[in-house]
Amino acid sequence: MNFLQKITATDAPAAIILIRLMIGGVFLSEGIQKFLFPESIGAGRFAQIGIPSPELMGPLVGVFEMGCGAFILIGLLTRLAAIPLIVIMLAAISITKIPLLLQSGFWKMAHDSRTDYAMLLGSILLLIVGAGRWSVDRRLMSKLRSR
């Protein structure tokens, strides 16, 4: 089995599309908003929370969120697309939620991190199981097997 076959292989049920719609839709929307509202969601927010080079990192993260979110929505190279999103969520949690835990306690952090946690675990799930039956990955896998 070659690399492309390995990353597109999926035996996940068709219902995994619900996770793809959630993860892909949220990341695509957040990426777009980093460009629509850079002062509050993009570079401005990144500067406020202390991310280095916010003028570069805000748009860069936005591009990854839009691109990987779109790929996940249609189920194209889903496992590869999940990796940058996992990194983004781990960074978001470590930069914003760990300090909140230390400053305001567990319950405040737990409340404020619920979306980050869901996006992280959903992305990890897609990395593990792939895009599912209703995806471009599944069609690619079928075509690669028939060759």
N, C-alpha and C. Protein backbone atom coordinates (compact mmCIF):
# COMPACT_ATOMS: atom_id res chain seq x y z
N MET A 1 0.86 -1.18 0.00
CA MET A 1 0.00 0.00 0.00
C MET A 1 0.90 1.24 0.00
N ASN A 2 0.70 2.13 -0.97
CA ASN A 2 1.52 3.33 -1.03
C ASN A 2 1.00 4.41 -0.07
N PHE A 3 1.74 5.51 0.03
CA PHE A 3 1.42 6.58 0.98
C PHE A 3 0.02 7.15 0.75
N LEU A 4 -0.33 7.45 -0.50
CA LEU A 4 -1.65 8.02 -0.80
C LEU A 4 -2.76 7.06 -0.40
N GLN A 5 -2.56 5.78 -0.64
CA GLN A 5 -3.56 4.79 -0.24
C GLN A 5 -3.71 4.74 1.28
N LYS A 6 -2.61 4.86 1.99
CA LYS A 6 -2.65 4.82 3.45
C LYS A 6 -3.39 6.01 4.04
N ILE A 7 -3.16 7.20 3.48
CA ILE A 7 -3.80 8.38 4.07
C ILE A 7 -5.25 8.55 3.64
N THR A 8 -5.65 7.94 2.53
CA THR A 8 -7.05 8.05 2.10
C THR A 8 -7.89 6.86 2.55
N ALA A 9 -7.26 5.78 3.02
CA ALA A 9 -8.00 4.61 3.46
C ALA A 9 -8.91 4.97 4.63
N THR A 10 -10.16 4.51 4.54
CA THR A 10 -11.11 4.78 5.62
C THR A 10 -12.20 3.73 5.62
N ASP A 11 -12.45 3.17 6.78
CA ASP A 11 -13.57 2.25 6.97
C ASP A 11 -14.57 2.86 7.94
N ALA A 12 -14.41 4.13 8.20
CA ALA A 12 -15.32 4.81 9.13
C ALA A 12 -16.72 4.84 8.55
N PRO A 13 -17.73 4.80 9.40
CA PRO A 13 -19.10 4.81 8.90
C PRO A 13 -19.46 6.15 8.25
N ALA A 14 -20.51 6.12 7.47
CA ALA A 14 -20.97 7.34 6.80
C ALA A 14 -21.28 8.45 7.79
N ALA A 15 -21.70 8.10 9.00
CA ALA A 15 -22.07 9.10 10.01
C ALA A 15 -20.91 10.00 10.42
N ILE A 16 -19.68 9.62 10.09
CA ILE A 16 -18.52 10.47 10.42
C ILE A 16 -18.63 11.81 9.70
N ILE A 17 -19.48 11.88 8.69
CA ILE A 17 -19.68 13.16 7.99
C ILE A 17 -20.17 14.23 8.97
N LEU A 18 -20.89 13.84 10.00
CA LEU A 18 -21.35 14.83 10.99
C LEU A 18 -20.18 15.48 11.71
N ILE A 19 -19.17 14.69 12.05
CA ILE A 19 -17.97 15.23 12.67
C ILE A 19 -17.23 16.11 11.67
N ARG A 20 -17.14 15.65 10.41
CA ARG A 20 -16.46 16.46 9.39
C ARG A 20 -17.16 17.79 9.18
N LEU A 21 -18.49 17.79 9.17
CA LEU A 21 -19.23 19.05 9.00
C LEU A 21 -18.97 20.00 10.16
N MET A 22 -18.92 19.47 11.37
CA MET A 22 -18.66 20.32 12.54
C MET A 22 -17.23 20.87 12.50
N ILE A 23 -16.25 19.97 12.39
CA ILE A 23 -14.85 20.38 12.44
C ILE A 23 -14.52 21.28 11.24
N GLY A 24 -14.86 20.83 10.05
CA GLY A 24 -14.55 21.60 8.85
C GLY A 24 -15.27 22.94 8.82
N GLY A 25 -16.54 22.94 9.19
CA GLY A 25 -17.32 24.18 9.18
C GLY A 25 -16.81 25.21 10.17
N VAL A 26 -16.49 24.77 11.37
CA VAL A 26 -16.00 25.71 12.38
C VAL A 26 -14.64 26.27 11.97
N PHE A 27 -13.72 25.40 11.54
CA PHE A 27 -12.40 25.91 11.15
C PHE A 27 -12.47 26.81 9.92
N LEU A 28 -13.28 26.46 8.94
CA LEU A 28 -13.42 27.31 7.76
C LEU A 28 -13.96 28.69 8.16
N SER A 29 -14.98 28.70 9.00
CA SER A 29 -15.56 29.96 9.46
C SER A 29 -14.56 30.79 10.26
N GLU A 30 -13.85 30.15 11.17
CA GLU A 30 -12.86 30.88 11.98
C GLU A 30 -11.73 31.44 11.12
N GLY A 31 -11.30 30.67 10.13
CA GLY A 31 -10.25 31.15 9.23
C GLY A 31 -10.70 32.37 8.44
N ILE A 32 -11.91 32.33 7.93
CA ILE A 32 -12.45 33.48 7.18
C ILE A 32 -12.54 34.70 8.09
N GLN A 33 -12.99 34.50 9.32
CA GLN A 33 -13.14 35.61 10.25
C GLN A 33 -11.81 36.26 10.63
N LYS A 34 -10.73 35.51 10.55
CA LYS A 34 -9.41 36.10 10.84
C LYS A 34 -9.06 37.16 9.80
N PHE A 35 -9.64 37.06 8.62
CA PHE A 35 -9.43 38.07 7.58
C PHE A 35 -10.51 39.15 7.61
N LEU A 36 -11.73 38.79 7.96
CA LEU A 36 -12.81 39.77 8.02
C LEU A 36 -12.67 40.70 9.22
N PHE A 37 -12.20 40.16 10.33
CA PHE A 37 -12.09 40.92 11.58
C PHE A 37 -10.69 40.75 12.18
N PRO A 38 -9.66 41.21 11.48
CA PRO A 38 -8.29 40.95 11.94
C PRO A 38 -7.98 41.59 13.30
N GLU A 39 -8.60 42.71 13.61
CA GLU A 39 -8.30 43.38 14.87
C GLU A 39 -8.81 42.62 16.09
N SER A 40 -9.91 41.88 15.93
CA SER A 40 -10.47 41.18 17.10
C SER A 40 -10.27 39.67 17.06
N ILE A 41 -10.06 39.09 15.89
CA ILE A 41 -9.93 37.63 15.79
C ILE A 41 -8.60 37.21 15.18
N GLY A 42 -8.03 38.04 14.34
CA GLY A 42 -6.79 37.70 13.65
C GLY A 42 -5.57 38.28 14.32
N ALA A 43 -4.81 39.05 13.57
CA ALA A 43 -3.52 39.58 14.05
C ALA A 43 -3.67 40.39 15.34
N GLY A 44 -4.72 41.17 15.46
CA GLY A 44 -4.94 41.96 16.67
C GLY A 44 -5.09 41.10 17.90
N ARG A 45 -5.85 40.05 17.76
CA ARG A 45 -6.03 39.11 18.88
C ARG A 45 -4.73 38.38 19.19
N PHE A 46 -4.00 38.00 18.14
CA PHE A 46 -2.73 37.31 18.33
C PHE A 46 -1.74 38.21 19.07
N ALA A 47 -1.72 39.51 18.73
CA ALA A 47 -0.84 40.45 19.42
C ALA A 47 -1.24 40.57 20.89
N GLN A 48 -2.54 40.64 21.14
CA GLN A 48 -3.07 40.79 22.49
C GLN A 48 -2.67 39.62 23.40
N ILE A 49 -2.64 38.42 22.86
CA ILE A 49 -2.31 37.26 23.70
C ILE A 49 -0.84 36.90 23.65
N GLY A 50 -0.04 37.70 22.95
CA GLY A 50 1.41 37.54 23.01
C GLY A 50 2.03 36.59 22.00
N ILE A 51 1.33 36.30 20.92
CA ILE A 51 1.90 35.44 19.88
C ILE A 51 2.91 36.27 19.09
N PRO A 52 4.12 35.75 18.90
CA PRO A 52 5.13 36.50 18.15
C PRO A 52 4.71 36.70 16.69
N SER A 53 5.15 37.77 16.09
CA SER A 53 4.84 38.12 14.69
C SER A 53 3.36 37.97 14.37
N PRO A 54 2.49 38.66 15.09
CA PRO A 54 1.05 38.48 14.88
C PRO A 54 0.58 38.85 13.48
N GLU A 55 1.28 39.81 12.83
CA GLU A 55 0.88 40.22 11.47
C GLU A 55 1.10 39.09 10.47
N LEU A 56 2.04 38.19 10.78
CA LEU A 56 2.29 37.02 9.94
C LEU A 56 1.46 35.83 10.41
N MET A 57 1.46 35.59 11.72
CA MET A 57 0.82 34.40 12.26
C MET A 57 -0.71 34.43 12.14
N GLY A 58 -1.33 35.58 12.30
CA GLY A 58 -2.79 35.67 12.17
C GLY A 58 -3.27 35.20 10.81
N PRO A 59 -2.76 35.81 9.72
CA PRO A 59 -3.17 35.34 8.39
C PRO A 59 -2.73 33.91 8.09
N LEU A 60 -1.54 33.52 8.56
CA LEU A 60 -1.07 32.16 8.30
C LEU A 60 -1.99 31.13 8.94
N VAL A 61 -2.36 31.34 10.18
CA VAL A 61 -3.29 30.44 10.85
C VAL A 61 -4.64 30.47 10.14
N GLY A 62 -5.08 31.66 9.72
CA GLY A 62 -6.34 31.77 8.99
C GLY A 62 -6.34 30.97 7.70
N VAL A 63 -5.25 31.00 6.96
CA VAL A 63 -5.14 30.24 5.71
C VAL A 63 -5.21 28.74 6.00
N PHE A 64 -4.49 28.29 7.02
CA PHE A 64 -4.53 26.87 7.38
C PHE A 64 -5.93 26.45 7.83
N GLU A 65 -6.58 27.30 8.62
CA GLU A 65 -7.93 26.97 9.07
C GLU A 65 -8.90 26.89 7.90
N MET A 66 -8.80 27.83 6.97
CA MET A 66 -9.70 27.80 5.81
C MET A 66 -9.41 26.59 4.92
N GLY A 67 -8.14 26.40 4.57
CA GLY A 67 -7.78 25.31 3.66
C GLY A 67 -8.05 23.95 4.25
N CYS A 68 -7.56 23.71 5.45
CA CYS A 68 -7.76 22.40 6.08
C CYS A 68 -9.23 22.18 6.42
N GLY A 69 -9.92 23.25 6.82
CA GLY A 69 -11.36 23.14 7.09
C GLY A 69 -12.13 22.74 5.85
N ALA A 70 -11.80 23.35 4.71
CA ALA A 70 -12.47 23.01 3.45
C ALA A 70 -12.17 21.57 3.05
N PHE A 71 -10.91 21.15 3.19
CA PHE A 71 -10.54 19.77 2.86
C PHE A 71 -11.32 18.78 3.73
N ILE A 72 -11.45 19.09 5.00
CA ILE A 72 -12.19 18.20 5.90
C ILE A 72 -13.67 18.18 5.54
N LEU A 73 -14.23 19.33 5.18
CA LEU A 73 -15.64 19.37 4.79
C LEU A 73 -15.94 18.41 3.64
N ILE A 74 -15.08 18.39 2.62
CA ILE A 74 -15.34 17.52 1.48
C ILE A 74 -14.71 16.14 1.65
N GLY A 75 -13.90 15.98 2.68
CA GLY A 75 -13.27 14.68 2.93
C GLY A 75 -12.11 14.41 2.00
N LEU A 76 -11.31 15.42 1.73
CA LEU A 76 -10.15 15.28 0.85
C LEU A 76 -8.87 15.35 1.68
N LEU A 77 -8.07 14.30 1.63
CA LEU A 77 -6.83 14.21 2.40
C LEU A 77 -7.10 14.57 3.87
N THR A 78 -8.15 14.01 4.38
CA THR A 78 -8.66 14.35 5.71
C THR A 78 -7.63 14.15 6.81
N ARG A 79 -6.92 13.02 6.77
CA ARG A 79 -5.93 12.77 7.82
C ARG A 79 -4.82 13.83 7.79
N LEU A 80 -4.35 14.18 6.61
CA LEU A 80 -3.32 15.22 6.52
C LEU A 80 -3.86 16.58 6.95
N ALA A 81 -5.08 16.89 6.56
CA ALA A 81 -5.69 18.18 6.93
C ALA A 81 -5.91 18.30 8.43
N ALA A 82 -6.12 17.18 9.09
CA ALA A 82 -6.36 17.22 10.54
C ALA A 82 -5.10 17.59 11.32
N ILE A 83 -3.93 17.28 10.79
CA ILE A 83 -2.69 17.50 11.55
C ILE A 83 -2.45 18.98 11.88
N PRO A 84 -2.48 19.90 10.90
CA PRO A 84 -2.29 21.31 11.28
C PRO A 84 -3.37 21.83 12.23
N LEU A 85 -4.58 21.30 12.10
CA LEU A 85 -5.66 21.76 12.98
C LEU A 85 -5.44 21.28 14.41
N ILE A 86 -4.88 20.08 14.56
CA ILE A 86 -4.52 19.59 15.90
C ILE A 86 -3.44 20.48 16.50
N VAL A 87 -2.46 20.84 15.70
CA VAL A 87 -1.38 21.72 16.19
C VAL A 87 -1.95 23.08 16.59
N ILE A 88 -2.84 23.63 15.77
CA ILE A 88 -3.47 24.92 16.08
C ILE A 88 -4.23 24.84 17.40
N MET A 89 -4.98 23.76 17.61
CA MET A 89 -5.75 23.64 18.85
C MET A 89 -4.87 23.42 20.06
N LEU A 90 -3.80 22.65 19.91
CA LEU A 90 -2.87 22.48 21.03
C LEU A 90 -2.22 23.82 21.39
N ALA A 91 -1.87 24.60 20.38
CA ALA A 91 -1.29 25.93 20.64
C ALA A 91 -2.32 26.83 21.32
N ALA A 92 -3.55 26.84 20.81
CA ALA A 92 -4.59 27.68 21.40
C ALA A 92 -4.84 27.33 22.86
N ILE A 93 -4.89 26.05 23.14
CA ILE A 93 -5.12 25.61 24.52
C ILE A 93 -3.95 26.00 25.42
N SER A 94 -2.74 25.76 24.94
CA SER A 94 -1.57 26.05 25.78
C SER A 94 -1.37 27.55 25.98
N ILE A 95 -1.69 28.36 24.98
CA ILE A 95 -1.46 29.80 25.08
C ILE A 95 -2.58 30.51 25.83
N THR A 96 -3.82 30.04 25.67
CA THR A 96 -4.93 30.77 26.28
C THR A 96 -5.59 30.07 27.45
N LYS A 97 -5.64 28.76 27.45
CA LYS A 97 -6.40 28.06 28.48
C LYS A 97 -5.56 27.64 29.68
N ILE A 98 -4.31 27.30 29.48
CA ILE A 98 -3.45 26.95 30.63
C ILE A 98 -3.26 28.17 31.54
N PRO A 99 -2.96 29.37 31.00
CA PRO A 99 -2.89 30.54 31.88
C PRO A 99 -4.22 30.82 32.59
N LEU A 100 -5.33 30.58 31.90
CA LEU A 100 -6.64 30.77 32.53
C LEU A 100 -6.84 29.79 33.70
N LEU A 101 -6.40 28.57 33.52
CA LEU A 101 -6.46 27.57 34.59
C LEU A 101 -5.67 28.06 35.80
N LEU A 102 -4.48 28.55 35.57
CA LEU A 102 -3.62 29.00 36.67
C LEU A 102 -4.16 30.26 37.34
N GLN A 103 -4.81 31.12 36.56
CA GLN A 103 -5.31 32.39 37.09
C GLN A 103 -6.70 32.26 37.72
N SER A 104 -7.60 31.53 37.06
CA SER A 104 -9.00 31.54 37.49
C SER A 104 -9.52 30.19 37.97
N GLY A 105 -8.73 29.15 37.84
CA GLY A 105 -9.15 27.84 38.33
C GLY A 105 -9.73 26.94 37.26
N PHE A 106 -9.97 25.71 37.68
CA PHE A 106 -10.40 24.66 36.76
C PHE A 106 -11.73 24.95 36.09
N TRP A 107 -12.75 25.35 36.85
CA TRP A 107 -14.09 25.47 36.29
C TRP A 107 -14.19 26.58 35.25
N LYS A 108 -13.52 27.69 35.47
CA LYS A 108 -13.50 28.76 34.47
C LYS A 108 -12.80 28.28 33.21
N MET A 109 -11.67 27.59 33.38
CA MET A 109 -10.94 27.05 32.23
C MET A 109 -11.78 26.01 31.51
N ALA A 110 -12.43 25.12 32.26
CA ALA A 110 -13.25 24.07 31.65
C ALA A 110 -14.38 24.69 30.81
N HIS A 111 -15.01 25.72 31.34
CA HIS A 111 -16.09 26.40 30.62
C HIS A 111 -15.56 27.07 29.34
N ASP A 112 -14.49 27.80 29.46
CA ASP A 112 -13.97 28.56 28.32
C ASP A 112 -13.27 27.68 27.29
N SER A 113 -12.90 26.47 27.64
CA SER A 113 -12.16 25.62 26.70
C SER A 113 -13.02 24.55 26.04
N ARG A 114 -14.32 24.56 26.27
CA ARG A 114 -15.16 23.48 25.75
C ARG A 114 -15.11 23.37 24.24
N THR A 115 -15.10 24.49 23.53
CA THR A 115 -15.03 24.43 22.07
C THR A 115 -13.65 23.96 21.62
N ASP A 116 -12.60 24.49 22.24
CA ASP A 116 -11.24 24.07 21.89
C ASP A 116 -11.07 22.57 22.08
N TYR A 117 -11.57 22.06 23.19
CA TYR A 117 -11.48 20.65 23.52
C TYR A 117 -12.23 19.80 22.49
N ALA A 118 -13.44 20.21 22.14
CA ALA A 118 -14.23 19.48 21.15
C ALA A 118 -13.55 19.49 19.78
N MET A 119 -12.99 20.63 19.39
CA MET A 119 -12.32 20.72 18.10
C MET A 119 -11.05 19.88 18.08
N LEU A 120 -10.32 19.87 19.19
CA LEU A 120 -9.11 19.05 19.28
C LEU A 120 -9.46 17.57 19.17
N LEU A 121 -10.40 17.11 19.97
CA LEU A 121 -10.75 15.69 19.96
C LEU A 121 -11.40 15.27 18.64
N GLY A 122 -12.22 16.13 18.05
CA GLY A 122 -12.80 15.83 16.74
C GLY A 122 -11.74 15.70 15.67
N SER A 123 -10.75 16.57 15.71
CA SER A 123 -9.65 16.52 14.74
C SER A 123 -8.81 15.26 14.93
N ILE A 124 -8.58 14.89 16.19
CA ILE A 124 -7.84 13.65 16.47
C ILE A 124 -8.63 12.44 15.96
N LEU A 125 -9.93 12.44 16.16
CA LEU A 125 -10.77 11.36 15.66
C LEU A 125 -10.63 11.23 14.14
N LEU A 126 -10.68 12.34 13.43
CA LEU A 126 -10.55 12.29 11.97
C LEU A 126 -9.17 11.81 11.54
N LEU A 127 -8.15 12.17 12.30
CA LEU A 127 -6.80 11.67 12.01
C LEU A 127 -6.76 10.15 12.15
N ILE A 128 -7.44 9.61 13.14
CA ILE A 128 -7.43 8.18 13.40
C ILE A 128 -8.28 7.40 12.40
N VAL A 129 -9.53 7.83 12.19
CA VAL A 129 -10.47 7.01 11.40
C VAL A 129 -10.58 7.42 9.94
N GLY A 130 -10.15 8.61 9.60
CA GLY A 130 -10.28 9.08 8.22
C GLY A 130 -11.63 9.71 7.96
N ALA A 131 -11.91 9.96 6.69
CA ALA A 131 -13.05 10.77 6.28
C ALA A 131 -14.39 10.05 6.26
N GLY A 132 -14.38 8.73 6.19
CA GLY A 132 -15.63 8.00 6.16
C GLY A 132 -16.13 7.72 4.75
N ARG A 133 -17.25 7.02 4.71
CA ARG A 133 -17.80 6.52 3.45
C ARG A 133 -18.16 7.63 2.47
N TRP A 134 -18.73 8.73 2.94
CA TRP A 134 -19.16 9.80 2.04
C TRP A 134 -18.07 10.86 1.96
N SER A 135 -17.03 10.58 1.20
CA SER A 135 -15.89 11.50 1.12
C SER A 135 -15.14 11.34 -0.18
N VAL A 136 -14.38 12.36 -0.52
CA VAL A 136 -13.49 12.29 -1.67
C VAL A 136 -12.41 11.25 -1.40
N ASP A 137 -11.93 11.15 -0.17
CA ASP A 137 -10.91 10.16 0.19
C ASP A 137 -11.39 8.74 -0.16
N ARG A 138 -12.63 8.43 0.16
CA ARG A 138 -13.17 7.09 -0.12
C ARG A 138 -13.20 6.83 -1.62
N ARG A 139 -13.57 7.84 -2.40
CA ARG A 139 -13.57 7.68 -3.86
C ARG A 139 -12.16 7.49 -4.39
N LEU A 140 -11.23 8.28 -3.86
CA LEU A 140 -9.83 8.12 -4.27
C LEU A 140 -9.32 6.73 -3.92
N MET A 141 -9.65 6.27 -2.72
CA MET A 141 -9.21 4.95 -2.28
C MET A 141 -9.75 3.88 -3.22
N SER A 142 -11.00 3.99 -3.61
CA SER A 142 -11.60 3.02 -4.52
C SER A 142 -10.91 3.01 -5.87
N LYS A 143 -10.61 4.19 -6.38
CA LYS A 143 -9.92 4.28 -7.67
C LYS A 143 -8.50 3.74 -7.59
N LEU A 144 -7.80 4.02 -6.49
CA LEU A 144 -6.43 3.53 -6.33
C LEU A 144 -6.42 2.00 -6.20
N ARG A 145 -7.40 1.44 -5.53
CA ARG A 145 -7.47 -0.02 -5.39
C ARG A 145 -7.75 -0.71 -6.72
N SER A 146 -8.55 -0.05 -7.55
CA SER A 146 -8.91 -0.68 -8.83
C SER A 146 -7.77 -0.67 -9.85
N ARG A 147 -6.74 0.12 -9.59
CA ARG A 147 -5.60 0.19 -10.52
C ARG A 147 -4.69 -0.98 -10.39
